[in-house]
Protein backbone atom coordinates (compact mmCIF):
# COMPACT_ATOMS: atom_id res chain seq x y z
CA MET A 1 -13.17 -14.14 21.28
CA ARG A 2 -9.95 -14.80 23.52
CA LYS A 3 -9.46 -18.19 21.46
CA ILE A 4 -10.02 -17.00 18.11
CA LEU A 5 -7.88 -13.80 18.86
CA LEU A 6 -4.79 -16.26 19.25
CA LEU A 7 -5.61 -18.87 16.87
CA ILE A 8 -5.17 -16.22 14.39
CA ILE A 9 -2.08 -14.41 16.19
CA ILE A 10 -0.53 -17.61 16.68
CA MET A 11 -1.45 -18.68 12.23
CA LEU A 12 0.22 -15.00 12.01
CA MET A 13 3.55 -15.85 13.11
CA ALA A 14 3.36 -19.28 11.58
CA CYS A 15 2.97 -17.21 8.67
CA ARG A 16 6.54 -14.28 9.52
CA PHE A 17 8.53 -17.20 11.00
CA SER A 18 7.78 -20.50 8.93
CA ALA A 19 10.62 -21.93 7.04
CA PRO A 20 11.99 -21.28 3.72
CA SER A 21 8.95 -21.45 0.55
CA PRO A 22 9.67 -24.64 -1.59
CA VAL A 23 11.05 -24.21 -5.28
CA PHE A 24 8.09 -23.21 -6.66
CA ALA A 25 7.09 -19.89 -4.40
CA PRO A 26 4.16 -17.01 -5.41
CA ALA A 27 5.27 -14.05 -7.46
CA VAL A 28 7.94 -12.39 -5.79
CA THR A 29 8.42 -8.43 -5.66
CA VAL A 30 11.83 -7.28 -6.04
CA ARG A 31 11.84 -3.40 -5.17
CA PRO A 32 14.34 -1.35 -6.27
CA GLU A 33 15.56 1.94 -5.74
CA PRO A 34 13.94 4.44 -6.25
CA ASN A 35 11.30 1.65 -4.77
CA PHE A 36 8.38 1.69 -7.62
CA ARG A 37 5.73 -0.72 -6.43
CA VAL A 38 4.97 -3.94 -9.00
CA ILE A 39 1.84 -5.73 -8.23
CA THR A 40 1.21 -8.95 -10.36
CA HIS A 41 -2.71 -10.36 -11.67
CA PRO A 42 -4.48 -12.77 -10.97
CA ASP A 43 -3.97 -12.14 -6.93
CA GLY A 44 -1.55 -14.81 -5.54
CA ALA A 45 0.40 -17.74 -6.82
CA LEU A 46 1.20 -17.13 -10.54
CA TYR A 47 1.00 -20.16 -12.68
CA VAL A 48 2.00 -21.53 -15.92
CA GLY A 49 -0.82 -20.35 -18.45
CA ASP A 50 -1.77 -17.23 -16.55
CA LEU A 51 -1.91 -14.20 -19.12
CA VAL A 52 -0.21 -11.84 -16.27
CA SER A 53 -1.62 -8.37 -16.23
CA PHE A 54 0.67 -5.79 -14.11
CA GLU A 55 0.24 -2.33 -11.99
CA VAL A 56 2.72 0.09 -11.66
CA PHE A 57 3.20 2.45 -8.96
CA SER A 58 5.88 5.34 -8.31
CA PRO A 59 8.09 6.41 -5.01
CA THR A 60 5.50 9.64 -3.33
CA GLY A 61 7.04 12.62 -4.04
CA VAL A 62 8.32 11.39 -7.54
CA SER A 63 5.98 12.77 -10.26
CA VAL A 64 5.36 10.28 -12.96
CA SER A 65 2.02 11.63 -14.88
CA GLY A 66 2.07 10.74 -18.42
CA GLN A 67 5.19 9.29 -18.85
CA ARG A 68 5.47 5.73 -20.48
CA VAL A 69 6.78 2.63 -18.70
CA ARG A 70 7.54 -0.51 -20.67
CA ILE A 71 8.13 -3.66 -19.65
CA ASN A 72 10.76 -6.50 -21.00
CA ARG A 73 11.61 -9.87 -20.78
CA GLY A 74 14.87 -10.37 -22.43
CA ASP A 75 14.89 -8.91 -25.74
CA LYS A 76 11.10 -9.60 -25.74
CA SER A 77 8.77 -6.29 -25.08
CA LEU A 78 5.93 -7.03 -22.95
CA GLY A 79 4.02 -4.03 -23.48
CA GLU A 80 4.28 -0.32 -22.83
CA THR A 81 1.81 2.14 -21.54
CA SER A 82 1.86 5.72 -19.42
CA PHE A 83 1.00 6.26 -15.88
CA GLN A 84 -2.94 7.93 -16.10
CA PRO A 85 -5.10 8.15 -12.92
CA SER A 86 -6.80 4.60 -12.11
CA GLY A 87 -10.51 3.74 -10.07
CA LEU A 88 -12.37 5.63 -7.95
CA GLY A 89 -9.46 7.11 -6.40
CA ALA A 90 -8.01 8.10 -9.36
CA ARG A 91 -4.63 6.53 -8.23
CA SER A 92 -1.43 7.13 -10.64
CA GLN A 93 -0.62 3.64 -11.43
CA ALA A 94 0.49 2.73 -15.34
CA THR A 95 -1.73 -0.75 -15.57
CA PHE A 96 -0.69 -3.31 -18.48
CA TYR A 97 -3.95 -5.74 -18.84
CA TRP A 98 -2.96 -9.38 -20.18
CA ALA A 99 0.55 -8.06 -20.84
CA TRP A 100 2.56 -11.71 -20.38
CA ASP A 101 1.32 -14.85 -22.01
CA THR A 102 3.03 -17.57 -19.80
CA ARG A 103 1.33 -20.51 -21.66
CA GLY A 104 4.06 -23.02 -23.21
CA LEU A 105 6.64 -21.40 -20.71
CA GLU A 106 8.25 -24.13 -17.95
CA ALA A 107 7.78 -23.80 -14.08
CA GLY A 108 10.04 -21.76 -11.94
CA THR A 109 10.98 -17.73 -12.02
CA TYR A 110 11.56 -14.88 -14.71
CA THR A 111 13.25 -11.77 -14.34
CA LEU A 112 11.53 -8.89 -16.26
CA THR A 113 12.89 -5.58 -16.31
CA PHE A 114 10.95 -2.41 -15.87
CA SER A 115 12.13 0.54 -17.39
CA LEU A 116 11.14 4.75 -17.92
CA PRO A 117 12.82 8.11 -18.76
CA VAL A 118 12.23 9.20 -15.06
CA GLY A 119 16.34 9.41 -14.52
CA ASN A 120 16.72 6.78 -16.27
CA THR A 121 14.78 4.59 -14.38
CA ARG A 122 15.34 0.64 -14.79
CA TRP A 123 14.73 -2.06 -12.37
CA ASP A 124 14.33 -6.18 -12.37
CA GLU A 125 11.48 -8.12 -11.08
CA LYS A 126 11.49 -11.73 -10.25
CA ILE A 127 8.32 -13.48 -10.85
CA THR A 128 7.94 -17.43 -9.96
CA LEU A 129 5.59 -19.37 -12.15
CA LEU A 130 4.23 -22.64 -10.49
CA PRO A 131 3.15 -25.47 -12.60
CA ALA A 132 -0.48 -25.19 -14.08
CA ALA A 133 -1.11 -28.43 -12.33
CA ALA A 134 -1.16 -26.66 -9.03
CA ILE A 135 -3.80 -24.72 -9.83
CA PRO A 136 -6.85 -25.39 -7.51
CA LEU A 137 -10.38 -25.81 -7.66
CA PRO A 138 -12.63 -24.74 -9.15
CA GLU A 139 -10.25 -22.30 -11.87
CA PRO A 140 -8.95 -25.43 -14.11
CA LYS A 141 -12.44 -26.28 -15.37
CA ALA A 142 -14.30 -23.14 -14.79
CA ARG A 143 -15.93 -21.51 -18.06
CA TRP A 144 -17.83 -18.61 -18.02
CA GLU A 145 -21.68 -19.23 -18.86
CA SER A 146 -24.43 -16.75 -19.84
CA VAL A 147 -28.10 -17.56 -19.77
CA ASN A 148 -31.11 -15.13 -20.77
CA THR A 149 -34.58 -14.38 -19.26
CA ASP A 150 -36.53 -11.47 -19.90
CA CYS A 151 -34.76 -9.09 -17.90
CA CYS A 152 -31.26 -10.13 -18.47
CA VAL A 153 -28.47 -11.99 -19.94
CA ILE A 154 -26.83 -12.90 -17.18
CA HIS A 155 -23.14 -14.15 -16.99
CA TYR A 156 -21.44 -15.82 -14.73
CA ILE A 157 -18.47 -19.02 -14.01
CA SER A 158 -18.40 -22.07 -13.73
CA GLY A 159 -17.92 -24.44 -11.21
CA THR A 160 -19.00 -21.49 -8.14
CA ASP A 161 -21.98 -20.70 -6.48
CA ALA A 162 -23.54 -18.27 -9.21
CA GLU A 163 -23.69 -21.63 -11.26
CA ALA A 164 -25.09 -24.01 -7.83
CA ASP A 165 -27.96 -21.29 -8.03
CA ILE A 166 -28.53 -20.34 -11.19
CA GLU A 167 -32.40 -20.67 -11.19
CA THR A 168 -32.64 -18.36 -7.77
CA LEU A 169 -30.73 -15.86 -9.10
CA LYS A 170 -32.66 -15.69 -12.35
CA ARG A 171 -35.67 -15.55 -10.36
CA MET A 172 -34.03 -12.93 -8.09
CA ALA A 173 -32.98 -10.80 -10.56
CA ALA A 174 -36.08 -11.17 -12.88
CA ALA A 175 -38.12 -9.21 -9.58
CA GLN A 176 -35.34 -6.97 -9.02
CA ALA A 177 -36.30 -5.40 -12.63
CA VAL A 178 -40.03 -5.34 -12.49
CA ASP A 179 -39.75 -3.36 -8.74
CA VAL A 180 -37.18 -0.82 -10.26
CA GLU A 181 -39.52 -0.19 -13.04
CA ALA A 182 -42.31 0.06 -11.34
CA ARG A 183 -40.49 2.56 -8.82
CA LEU A 184 -38.76 4.38 -11.35
CA ASN A 185 -41.91 4.48 -13.58
CA ASN A 186 -40.10 3.90 -16.96
CA LYS A 187 -38.62 0.23 -17.87
CA PHE A 188 -35.69 -0.81 -19.35
CA ASP A 189 -34.69 -0.25 -23.20
CA LYS A 190 -33.35 -4.10 -23.68
CA LYS A 191 -31.97 -6.78 -21.17
CA THR A 192 -29.51 -6.04 -18.69
CA PRO A 193 -26.46 -7.59 -18.52
CA LEU A 194 -25.81 -8.73 -15.19
CA THR A 195 -22.67 -10.61 -14.15
CA PHE A 196 -22.34 -12.63 -10.46
CA LEU A 197 -18.76 -12.25 -9.57
CA PRO A 198 -17.33 -15.39 -7.91
CA ARG A 199 -15.59 -12.66 -5.39
CA VAL A 200 -15.52 -9.52 -3.67
CA LEU A 201 -14.24 -6.61 -5.28
CA GLY A 202 -15.58 -3.35 -3.42
CA HIS A 203 -18.64 -3.12 -1.24
CA GLY A 204 -20.06 -6.17 -3.48
CA GLY A 205 -21.81 -4.14 -6.96
CA PHE A 206 -20.34 -1.90 -9.16
CA THR A 207 -22.11 -0.34 -13.15
CA SER A 208 -19.75 0.44 -15.75
CA ASP A 209 -20.66 -1.90 -18.85
CA GLY A 210 -23.11 -3.53 -17.12
CA ILE A 211 -24.04 -4.53 -13.93
CA TYR A 212 -21.79 -6.89 -11.75
CA VAL A 213 -22.79 -8.08 -8.42
CA THR A 214 -20.59 -10.49 -5.99
CA TYR A 215 -22.39 -14.02 -5.24
CA LEU A 216 -20.50 -15.67 -2.83
CA ARG A 217 -22.31 -18.42 0.42
CA GLN A 218 -19.18 -16.59 2.26
CA ASN A 219 -20.12 -12.51 1.62
CA TYR A 220 -17.04 -11.50 4.08
CA ALA A 221 -18.56 -7.66 2.34
CA GLY A 222 -21.77 -8.44 4.01
CA SER A 223 -24.07 -7.81 1.42
CA THR A 224 -26.36 -9.78 -0.35
CA ALA A 225 -26.95 -10.21 -3.71
CA GLN A 226 -30.75 -9.30 -3.77
CA GLN A 227 -30.45 -5.84 -2.40
CA VAL A 228 -27.24 -5.40 -4.01
CA THR A 229 -28.66 -6.42 -7.60
CA HIS A 230 -31.62 -3.55 -6.68
CA HIS A 231 -29.70 -1.13 -6.06
CA GLU A 232 -27.69 -1.57 -9.28
CA MET A 233 -30.51 -1.64 -11.64
CA VAL A 234 -31.63 1.22 -10.30
CA HIS A 235 -28.24 2.95 -11.50
CA TRP A 236 -28.59 0.97 -15.28
CA LEU A 237 -32.27 2.56 -15.47
CA ASP A 238 -31.49 5.87 -14.05
CA ALA A 239 -28.38 6.33 -16.16
CA GLN A 240 -31.10 4.98 -18.87
CA MET A 241 -33.02 8.14 -18.48
CA GLY A 242 -30.79 10.61 -18.93
CA GLY A 243 -29.40 13.99 -17.65
CA ASP A 244 -26.57 16.11 -18.22
CA GLN A 245 -25.22 16.42 -15.15
CA ARG A 246 -26.13 13.62 -12.26
CA PRO A 247 -24.50 14.46 -8.54
CA SER A 248 -22.98 11.40 -7.53
CA VAL A 249 -25.01 12.29 -3.87
CA LEU A 250 -27.91 12.07 -5.84
CA GLN A 251 -27.56 9.23 -7.80
CA GLU A 252 -26.25 6.84 -5.03
CA GLY A 253 -28.90 8.64 -3.13
CA LEU A 254 -31.51 7.72 -5.45
CA ALA A 255 -30.58 3.96 -5.60
CA VAL A 256 -30.21 3.62 -1.48
CA TYR A 257 -34.23 5.09 -1.57
CA MET A 258 -35.87 2.72 -4.33
CA SER A 259 -34.32 0.44 -2.64
CA ASP A 260 -35.14 1.21 0.40
CA GLY A 261 -31.88 0.60 2.70
CA HIS A 262 -27.84 0.32 1.52
CA PHE A 263 -26.58 -3.11 1.86
CA LYS A 264 -30.27 -4.32 3.48
CA VAL A 265 -33.84 -2.85 3.68
CA GLU A 266 -33.49 -0.16 6.65
CA PRO A 267 -35.34 2.92 8.18
CA ILE A 268 -33.32 5.39 5.97
CA LEU A 269 -34.78 9.16 7.89
CA PRO A 270 -34.51 7.42 11.54
CA ARG A 271 -30.97 5.97 10.23
CA ALA A 272 -30.13 9.47 8.75
CA ALA A 273 -31.30 11.45 11.74
CA ALA A 274 -28.83 9.59 14.11
CA LEU A 275 -25.97 10.35 11.69
CA LEU A 276 -27.40 14.51 13.65
CA ASP A 277 -27.65 12.59 16.94
CA LEU A 278 -24.44 10.70 17.13
CA GLY A 279 -22.78 14.23 15.03
CA LEU A 280 -21.65 12.13 12.02
CA PHE A 281 -23.95 14.68 9.79
CA ILE A 282 -21.48 16.17 6.73
CA PRO A 283 -22.24 19.25 5.70
CA LEU A 284 -23.72 19.13 1.83
CA ARG A 285 -21.32 21.12 0.24
CA GLN A 286 -19.03 19.22 1.24
CA LEU A 287 -20.65 15.94 0.23
CA SER A 288 -21.47 17.11 -3.22
CA ASP A 289 -17.81 17.50 -3.93
CA SER A 290 -16.22 14.68 -2.64
CA PHE A 291 -19.11 11.84 -2.05
CA TYR A 292 -16.57 8.45 -2.91
CA ALA A 293 -14.23 10.27 -0.37
CA THR A 294 -16.13 10.83 2.69
CA GLN A 295 -17.34 8.06 5.12
CA HIS A 296 -19.19 5.29 2.56
CA GLU A 297 -22.57 3.93 4.83
CA ILE A 298 -22.82 7.75 6.54
CA GLY A 299 -22.57 9.40 2.92
CA TYR A 300 -24.76 7.16 1.17
CA VAL A 301 -27.50 6.85 4.07
CA GLU A 302 -27.26 10.50 4.84
CA ALA A 303 -27.72 11.03 0.72
CA ALA A 304 -31.11 8.89 0.58
CA ALA A 305 -32.77 10.47 3.15
CA LEU A 306 -32.04 13.32 0.95
CA ILE A 307 -33.92 12.27 -1.75
CA SER A 308 -36.74 11.23 0.72
CA TYR A 309 -36.73 14.52 1.98
CA LEU A 310 -37.14 16.37 -1.72
CA THR A 311 -38.99 14.12 -2.87
CA ALA A 312 -41.60 14.52 0.25
CA THR A 313 -41.01 18.25 0.10
CA TYR A 314 -41.62 18.92 -3.93
CA GLY A 315 -43.35 15.27 -4.83
CA PRO A 316 -41.62 12.53 -7.18
CA ASP A 317 -42.35 14.57 -10.48
CA GLU A 318 -40.92 17.72 -9.33
CA PHE A 319 -37.89 15.92 -7.90
CA ASN A 320 -37.56 13.92 -11.38
CA SER A 321 -37.84 17.58 -13.26
CA PHE A 322 -35.17 18.80 -11.24
CA TYR A 323 -32.80 15.63 -11.01
CA ARG A 324 -32.46 15.75 -15.32
CA ASP A 325 -32.04 19.18 -15.32
CA ILE A 326 -28.80 19.65 -13.68
CA HIS A 327 -26.07 21.23 -16.18
CA SER A 328 -22.34 22.16 -15.63
CA ALA A 329 -20.66 24.92 -15.70
CA PRO A 330 -16.71 26.18 -16.79
CA GLY A 331 -14.98 25.49 -12.94
CA ASN A 332 -18.12 24.76 -11.66
CA SER A 333 -17.89 21.94 -8.86
CA GLN A 334 -20.50 19.07 -8.17
CA ALA A 335 -22.08 21.40 -5.40
CA ASP A 336 -22.03 24.67 -7.40
CA MET A 337 -24.01 22.92 -10.07
CA LEU A 338 -26.60 21.23 -7.34
CA ASP A 339 -26.34 24.94 -6.03
CA SER A 340 -27.44 26.14 -9.46
CA ALA A 341 -30.14 23.21 -10.38
CA LEU A 342 -32.40 24.07 -6.87
CA GLN A 343 -32.00 27.99 -7.24
CA MET A 344 -33.77 27.44 -10.92
CA HIS A 345 -36.15 24.69 -9.93
CA PHE A 346 -37.08 25.26 -6.17
CA LYS A 347 -35.96 29.28 -5.30
CA ILE A 348 -33.52 28.17 -2.43
CA SER A 349 -29.69 27.66 -2.42
CA LEU A 350 -27.52 24.30 -1.27
CA ALA A 351 -27.45 26.13 1.89
CA GLN A 352 -31.04 26.70 2.49
CA LEU A 353 -31.80 23.36 2.04
CA GLU A 354 -29.42 21.99 3.86
CA GLN A 355 -30.99 24.47 6.72
CA ASN A 356 -34.72 22.77 6.01
CA PHE A 357 -32.93 19.09 5.52
CA ILE A 358 -31.29 19.53 9.27
CA ALA A 359 -34.64 20.38 10.37
CA PHE A 360 -35.97 17.75 8.65
CA LEU A 361 -34.49 15.04 10.10
CA GLN A 362 -34.61 16.90 13.59
CA GLN A 363 -38.47 15.90 13.45
CA GLN A 364 -37.69 12.17 13.05
CA ALA A 365 -38.12 9.69 15.76
CA ILE A 366 -34.84 7.80 16.77
CA GLY A 367 -35.12 4.24 18.54
CA GLU A 368 -32.10 3.06 20.37
CA THR A 369 -31.48 0.49 17.86
CA ASP A 370 -31.22 2.98 14.76
CA ARG A 371 -28.39 4.10 16.78
CA ALA A 372 -26.87 1.05 18.14
CA ASP A 373 -27.16 -0.70 14.64
CA LEU A 374 -26.43 2.80 12.80
CA ARG A 375 -22.97 2.89 14.71
CA LEU A 376 -22.08 -0.68 13.63
CA THR A 377 -22.36 -0.52 10.60
CA VAL A 378 -20.17 1.88 9.99
CA ALA A 379 -17.21 0.05 12.02
CA PHE A 380 -18.05 -3.51 10.21
CA TYR A 381 -17.71 -1.53 6.96
CA ASP A 382 -14.78 0.45 8.13
CA THR A 383 -13.49 -3.13 9.21
CA VAL A 384 -14.08 -4.84 5.58
CA ARG A 385 -12.45 -2.11 3.78
CA ARG A 386 -9.50 -2.01 6.08
CA TYR A 387 -9.15 -5.45 5.89
CA GLN A 388 -8.80 -5.06 2.23
CA ARG A 389 -6.05 -2.48 2.30
CA VAL A 390 -3.91 -4.90 3.94
CA LEU A 391 -5.14 -8.22 2.97
CA ASP A 392 -6.72 -8.19 -0.07
CA PRO A 393 -5.96 -4.60 -1.88
CA SER A 394 -7.28 -5.61 -5.62
CA ALA A 395 -10.56 -5.83 -3.56
CA TYR A 396 -10.62 -2.34 -2.09
CA PHE A 397 -13.28 0.32 -3.55
CA LEU A 398 -10.95 2.76 -4.63
CA THR A 399 -8.26 0.85 -6.29
CA ALA A 400 -10.29 -2.33 -7.19
CA TRP A 401 -8.91 -4.49 -9.82
CA LEU A 402 -12.03 -4.36 -12.59
CA PRO A 403 -10.37 -5.83 -16.09
CA ASN A 404 -12.63 -5.84 -18.95
CA ALA A 405 -15.40 -8.37 -18.56
CA PRO A 406 -16.41 -8.61 -22.18
CA GLU A 407 -12.53 -8.85 -22.84
CA MET A 408 -12.12 -11.52 -20.13
CA ARG A 409 -15.49 -13.51 -21.16
CA SER A 410 -13.74 -13.79 -24.89
CA ARG A 411 -11.29 -14.49 -24.11
CA GLY A 412 -11.86 -17.37 -21.79
CA ILE A 413 -9.89 -15.74 -18.77
CA VAL A 414 -11.60 -16.54 -14.97
CA ALA A 415 -8.96 -16.17 -13.26
CA ASP A 416 -8.65 -12.60 -12.51
CA PHE A 417 -12.27 -13.14 -10.50
CA VAL A 418 -12.00 -16.75 -9.79
CA ARG A 419 -8.42 -16.19 -7.31
CA HIS A 420 -8.15 -14.64 -4.57
CA PRO A 421 -6.12 -14.30 -1.26
CA HIS A 422 -6.94 -17.49 0.40
CA ALA A 423 -4.37 -18.03 2.85
CA ALA A 424 -5.15 -19.48 6.25
CA VAL A 425 -5.32 -15.23 8.00
CA ASN A 426 -7.91 -14.24 5.30
CA GLN A 427 -9.77 -17.45 5.57
CA GLU A 428 -10.27 -16.93 9.61
CA LEU A 429 -10.80 -12.76 9.34
CA GLU A 430 -12.99 -13.33 6.17
CA ARG A 431 -15.33 -15.67 8.16
CA LEU A 432 -14.78 -13.49 11.49
CA LEU A 433 -16.61 -10.72 9.24
CA ALA A 434 -19.48 -12.87 7.86
CA SER A 435 -20.29 -13.70 11.06
CA SER A 436 -20.32 -10.21 12.64
CA ASP A 437 -22.62 -9.31 9.75
CA ALA A 438 -24.85 -11.90 10.66
CA SER A 439 -24.83 -10.90 14.05
CA LEU A 440 -25.75 -7.26 13.08
CA ARG A 441 -28.31 -8.51 10.77
CA VAL A 442 -30.16 -10.09 13.63
CA GLY A 443 -29.69 -7.19 16.34
CA ASN A 444 -26.80 -9.56 17.96
CA TYR A 445 -24.93 -6.40 18.84
CA ILE A 446 -22.60 -7.82 21.11
CA ALA A 447 -21.83 -10.62 18.88
CA ALA A 448 -21.20 -8.15 15.98
CA GLU A 449 -18.64 -5.91 17.88
CA ALA A 450 -17.03 -8.59 19.45
CA GLY A 451 -16.17 -9.32 15.94
CA ILE A 452 -15.12 -6.41 14.41
CA ARG A 453 -12.88 -5.49 17.66
CA ALA A 454 -10.90 -9.63 16.86
CA VAL A 455 -10.66 -8.71 13.47
CA ASN A 456 -8.83 -5.16 14.01
CA LEU A 457 -7.30 -6.54 17.05
CA THR A 458 -5.67 -9.03 14.45
CA LEU A 459 -5.02 -6.22 11.44
CA ASP A 460 -3.58 -4.31 14.42
CA VAL A 461 -0.89 -7.08 15.12
CA LEU A 462 -0.15 -7.29 10.96
CA GLU A 463 0.40 -3.75 10.18
CA LYS A 464 3.07 -3.41 13.16
CA TRP A 465 4.94 -6.98 11.37
CA GLN A 466 4.63 -5.40 8.31
CA LYS A 467 6.89 -2.56 9.38
């Protein structure tokens, strides 16, 4: 492991102190005063023929809510939009989807001008386009493909691992759909739109206008396509079954509970009991009101255990009646809505539920494996998210780059999902993360912890150099 860490540090030093870039360098962001920041998409280098998107962020402390920003190339406007909250993290940004069509341009460096009314702000960004012939495989021949099955309409991109394994994925999706229908005692009302992505976004899966699941032979986020597909199918059918308000803690808890685990099949109650034992239990009011802001793995396991407790105590039918009968009121938080529904259905408050739930968890047997696996699972995914923040920011779950996939398919756009950071340091750290996850899954906790430590030490070095 020391040799691996030394190799990574050498690579980082090489990146920092290497010779000047060739004529065609990747996109360059020139940071202006007052230090607005611009990120371009697709990730990494840009090429002639790209449809380029932009995310614009304001400096800390500068209020731009509702303000509009404009992009021009010379006299030609590339678009104008306002700053709005974006993603699970509600980050304030101005987002331009596919604003700059570079088809027909020459390779070289171009100047784009950004402007907005705040303080008469105006700045230039110099962006380099590489020749189209330099686009790496498999993108030049990659196309959107679709296949219909009994359960799903499956979308994927040619030339990726999903295309190679599409027959296996069809059978897997069908099996998950059958299992989800049995567990929720309901049927999907139509075929489920399911997209397999050739890159990691967030933790490997999400549901919006359809289900999206990462499918890679080396998935550094550690999840399996089977587990994530099941989890997201629970969300899809759950939403179809209705309910005025379904608090996030119950939605996510239900998906984990019905999938027998979060990123893998796991003993939910012993792991939740281990949270108490390790001092990691999150009060239910806090968990309800800020579910996605709490530590991810802790919140999901605790929420799943809560569903297990509620169904064991009141029965599946009574739980479902309660879950579908939660309503909002002016000024109510998710915890307030949950508290009102609990009192109406079960004659207990949220505070009383927490006391009963804790007492229930204290009765669970906890093995040393439960503690070790839970502790390292939390450490592993904290490290995955740290890696994303530092070296793969478009994948970070609170601010992930998630453009409209149906529009991408209709316009034949694949680059936003095919491209991802692929420098030597990315490859090595992703390999280490994938190896650590594999060790964790077979109970080799020494190897898993060593890999996690190596990734964090490398990120420590990189972050110091970035300052």
